[in-house]
Protein backbone atom coordinates (compact mmCIF):
# COMPACT_ATOMS: atom_id res chain seq x y z
CA MET A 1 -1.31 62.79 148.42
CA SER A 2 -0.26 59.67 146.55
CA ASP A 3 2.82 59.05 144.43
CA GLU A 4 0.86 57.63 141.47
CA ASP A 5 1.67 58.75 137.92
CA ILE A 6 0.30 62.12 136.82
CA THR A 7 -0.84 62.88 133.27
CA LEU A 8 -0.98 66.47 131.99
CA THR A 9 -2.63 67.35 128.69
CA ALA A 10 -2.91 70.54 126.63
CA GLY A 11 -3.80 70.66 122.94
CA ASP A 12 -1.98 67.81 121.21
CA ALA A 13 0.68 67.59 123.97
CA GLU A 14 0.74 65.05 126.80
CA VAL A 15 3.20 64.70 129.69
CA THR A 16 3.46 61.87 132.23
CA VAL A 17 5.18 62.61 135.56
CA ALA A 18 6.17 59.66 137.77
CA PRO A 19 6.52 60.74 141.43
CA GLY A 20 6.95 57.11 142.49
CA ASN A 21 9.87 56.60 140.10
CA GLY A 22 12.31 59.29 141.16
CA GLY A 23 10.09 62.26 140.26
CA ARG A 24 10.96 61.89 136.59
CA VAL A 25 9.11 62.95 133.48
CA GLY A 26 8.37 59.52 132.05
CA SER A 27 6.84 60.63 128.77
CA LEU A 28 6.58 63.77 126.62
CA ARG A 29 4.38 63.35 123.55
CA VAL A 30 3.31 65.88 120.93
CA GLY A 31 0.94 64.92 118.17
CA GLY A 32 1.37 61.28 119.18
CA VAL A 33 5.19 61.45 118.83
CA GLU A 34 7.22 60.38 121.89
CA LEU A 35 10.20 62.70 122.49
CA LEU A 36 11.80 60.88 125.45
CA ARG A 37 13.49 57.51 125.54
CA GLN A 38 11.23 55.03 127.31
CA GLY A 39 12.17 52.78 130.22
CA GLU A 40 12.21 52.73 134.02
CA LYS A 41 15.60 54.53 134.22
CA PHE A 42 15.10 56.92 131.30
CA GLY A 43 12.72 59.79 130.56
CA CYS A 44 13.95 62.99 132.23
CA PHE A 45 14.95 62.68 135.90
CA PRO A 46 15.98 65.31 138.48
CA MET A 47 19.57 65.39 139.72
CA VAL A 48 19.55 66.53 143.37
CA PRO A 49 21.38 67.31 145.64
CA TRP A 50 24.25 67.11 143.17
CA CYS A 51 24.64 66.85 139.41
CA GLY A 52 27.20 64.85 137.47
CA ARG A 53 29.61 62.72 139.48
CA ILE A 54 31.42 63.02 142.81
CA ARG A 55 34.83 61.42 142.41
CA GLU A 56 35.02 58.31 144.61
CA GLY A 57 31.85 59.57 146.32
CA ARG A 58 33.74 61.90 148.67
CA PHE A 59 33.45 65.66 149.09
CA LEU A 60 34.51 68.23 151.68
CA ASP A 61 31.56 69.76 153.56
CA GLY A 62 33.17 72.51 155.60
CA ALA A 63 35.75 70.61 157.66
CA VAL A 64 33.94 67.27 157.31
CA VAL A 65 34.63 64.69 154.61
CA ARG A 66 31.35 63.19 153.40
CA GLN A 67 31.04 59.80 151.73
CA MET A 68 28.19 59.10 149.32
CA PRO A 69 27.29 55.59 148.06
CA LEU A 70 29.16 54.57 144.91
CA ASN A 71 26.13 54.05 142.66
CA SER A 72 28.35 54.12 139.56
CA PRO A 73 31.68 52.76 140.86
CA PRO A 74 34.12 54.23 141.48
CA HIS A 75 31.94 57.38 141.62
CA ALA A 76 28.65 58.66 143.03
CA ILE A 77 26.53 60.19 140.29
CA HIS A 78 23.40 62.30 139.81
CA GLY A 79 22.28 62.66 143.42
CA THR A 80 19.83 60.59 145.43
CA THR A 81 16.33 61.83 144.56
CA ARG A 82 16.05 59.85 141.30
CA ASP A 83 15.97 56.67 143.42
CA GLY A 84 13.24 57.81 145.81
CA ALA A 85 9.47 58.22 145.82
CA TRP A 86 8.20 61.79 145.59
CA LYS A 87 4.85 62.99 146.91
CA THR A 88 2.23 64.88 144.93
CA ALA A 89 1.40 68.24 146.49
CA ARG A 90 -0.95 69.56 143.81
CA THR A 91 -2.25 68.54 140.42
CA THR A 92 -4.65 69.88 137.78
CA PRO A 93 -5.17 68.76 134.18
CA THR A 94 -2.30 71.03 133.04
CA ASP A 95 0.08 71.44 136.01
CA ALA A 96 1.48 69.58 138.99
CA VAL A 97 3.77 70.08 141.98
CA ILE A 98 5.68 67.24 143.66
CA THR A 99 8.05 67.24 146.64
CA TYR A 100 10.83 65.11 148.11
CA ASP A 101 12.36 65.35 151.59
CA LEU A 102 16.10 64.70 151.54
CA VAL A 103 17.13 61.75 153.70
CA ALA A 104 20.25 59.67 154.38
CA PRO A 105 22.78 59.16 152.92
CA TRP A 106 22.57 62.93 152.24
CA PRO A 107 23.61 64.43 155.61
CA HIS A 108 21.52 67.64 155.53
CA PRO A 109 17.73 67.86 155.92
CA GLY A 110 15.94 69.73 153.17
CA ARG A 111 13.06 69.67 150.72
CA VAL A 112 13.11 69.52 146.93
CA THR A 113 10.14 70.82 144.93
CA GLN A 114 9.42 70.29 141.25
CA ALA A 115 6.66 72.11 139.36
CA PHE A 116 5.43 71.15 135.88
CA ALA A 117 3.20 73.30 133.68
CA LEU A 118 1.93 72.32 130.24
CA THR A 119 0.24 74.61 127.71
CA ASP A 120 -0.56 74.00 124.07
CA ASP A 121 2.75 75.60 123.07
CA ALA A 122 5.16 75.11 126.02
CA PHE A 123 6.26 72.71 128.76
CA THR A 124 7.84 74.48 131.75
CA LEU A 125 9.77 72.75 134.55
CA THR A 126 10.86 74.52 137.75
CA THR A 127 12.77 72.99 140.64
CA SER A 128 14.15 74.17 143.97
CA VAL A 129 15.98 72.77 146.99
CA GLU A 130 15.75 74.46 150.38
CA THR A 131 16.59 74.10 154.04
CA TYR A 132 15.26 75.93 157.07
CA GLY A 133 18.36 75.10 159.08
CA ASP A 134 22.00 75.84 158.31
CA SER A 135 23.02 76.32 154.69
CA PHE A 136 24.37 73.30 152.85
CA PRO A 137 25.99 72.54 149.50
CA ALA A 138 23.53 71.50 146.81
CA GLN A 139 23.09 71.43 143.04
CA ILE A 140 20.01 70.80 140.94
CA GLY A 141 19.42 69.89 137.34
CA TRP A 142 17.67 67.47 134.97
CA HIS A 143 19.00 64.52 133.02
CA PRO A 144 16.89 64.10 129.87
CA TRP A 145 17.11 61.09 127.58
CA PHE A 146 15.78 62.48 124.30
CA ASN A 147 15.08 60.22 121.36
CA ARG A 148 17.85 60.81 118.85
CA ASN A 149 15.44 61.38 116.01
CA LEU A 150 11.72 61.32 115.46
CA GLY A 151 11.65 59.06 112.42
CA THR A 152 12.75 61.84 110.09
CA GLY A 153 16.50 61.18 110.15
CA GLU A 154 17.06 64.60 111.76
CA ASP A 155 18.48 65.07 115.25
CA VAL A 156 16.53 66.91 117.93
CA ARG A 157 18.25 70.16 118.89
CA LEU A 158 18.28 71.14 122.58
CA ASP A 159 18.19 74.76 123.73
CA PHE A 160 17.67 75.94 127.30
CA ALA A 161 18.42 78.89 129.59
CA PRO A 162 18.33 78.03 133.33
CA ALA A 163 17.50 80.87 135.71
CA CYS A 164 18.56 81.00 139.39
CA ARG A 165 17.65 83.12 142.39
CA ARG A 166 18.33 83.11 146.11
CA SER A 167 15.99 83.75 149.01
CA ALA A 168 17.05 85.85 151.98
CA ALA A 169 14.55 84.05 154.20
CA ARG A 170 16.09 80.63 153.76
CA THR A 171 18.96 78.99 151.93
CA THR A 172 17.75 78.11 148.46
CA SER A 173 19.69 76.76 145.52
CA PRO A 174 17.42 77.10 142.41
CA PRO A 175 15.06 77.48 140.75
CA ALA A 176 16.02 76.40 137.28
CA SER A 177 13.43 76.35 134.56
CA ALA A 178 12.98 75.90 130.88
CA SER A 179 10.11 76.46 128.53
CA THR A 180 9.88 74.29 125.48
CA ARG A 181 7.46 73.68 122.66
CA ALA A 182 7.87 70.00 121.91
CA PRO A 183 8.10 69.87 118.13
CA ALA A 184 6.40 68.08 115.37
CA PRO A 185 8.81 65.72 113.57
CA GLY A 186 11.72 67.52 111.93
CA THR A 187 11.41 70.75 113.93
CA THR A 188 13.53 72.28 116.70
CA ALA A 189 12.94 71.57 120.39
CA SER A 190 14.05 73.21 123.63
CA GLY A 191 15.11 70.64 126.20
CA CYS A 192 14.99 70.22 129.94
CA PRO A 193 17.83 71.95 131.84
CA THR A 194 20.70 69.61 132.55
CA GLU A 195 24.33 69.70 133.58
CA SER A 196 25.68 70.12 130.08
CA THR A 197 24.95 72.19 127.01
CA SER A 198 26.23 69.44 124.74
CA PRO A 199 23.76 67.97 122.25
CA SER A 200 22.08 64.79 123.39
CA PRO A 201 23.77 61.66 122.01
CA GLY A 202 20.36 60.01 121.93
CA PRO A 203 19.97 56.44 123.17
CA GLY A 204 23.60 56.18 124.34
CA HIS A 205 24.52 56.82 127.99
CA TRP A 206 24.73 60.48 128.98
CA SER A 207 26.36 61.03 132.32
């Protein structure tokens, strides 16, 4: 299927997923209020196959030293999938599944899957990374850019509880998920899972 943008709607909530722009959630609106910072590099993007930063882009993979591109010199940050085009596997008016096959410079073959489900009172994201060959090191997470406030002068509060499981049939390092009711202005929100439990600093860089 194509990598064109996907729009999910339920009640007064609307979500836009952009498979062609790193598999990110490009927009999350409730009652006409945009909760995510807008822009090609913003929204809420997946961090796979690592989160945060790899110092100088090097890590030890068994007995082998791996070198990742320094996309934020002098470090490599937030994985590789945010720079690639994902493919749509399934979509309905309220849910979607997209996939990405890991390629160089990541040295291990594997597949990443993201699932999005929207109801009139929750937005749930689930992601997984898997390989059918040898096991490999991998991390997953999301990097949300939330708007600092919704025009009320009050910050948005982020709460989330990632859940993980492993499969005996294949090496799997996920899934993480969060369910959130995107709020009306001035209320509390649960955010996408990410690498940190610190409150979002809003429009400033969060890495």
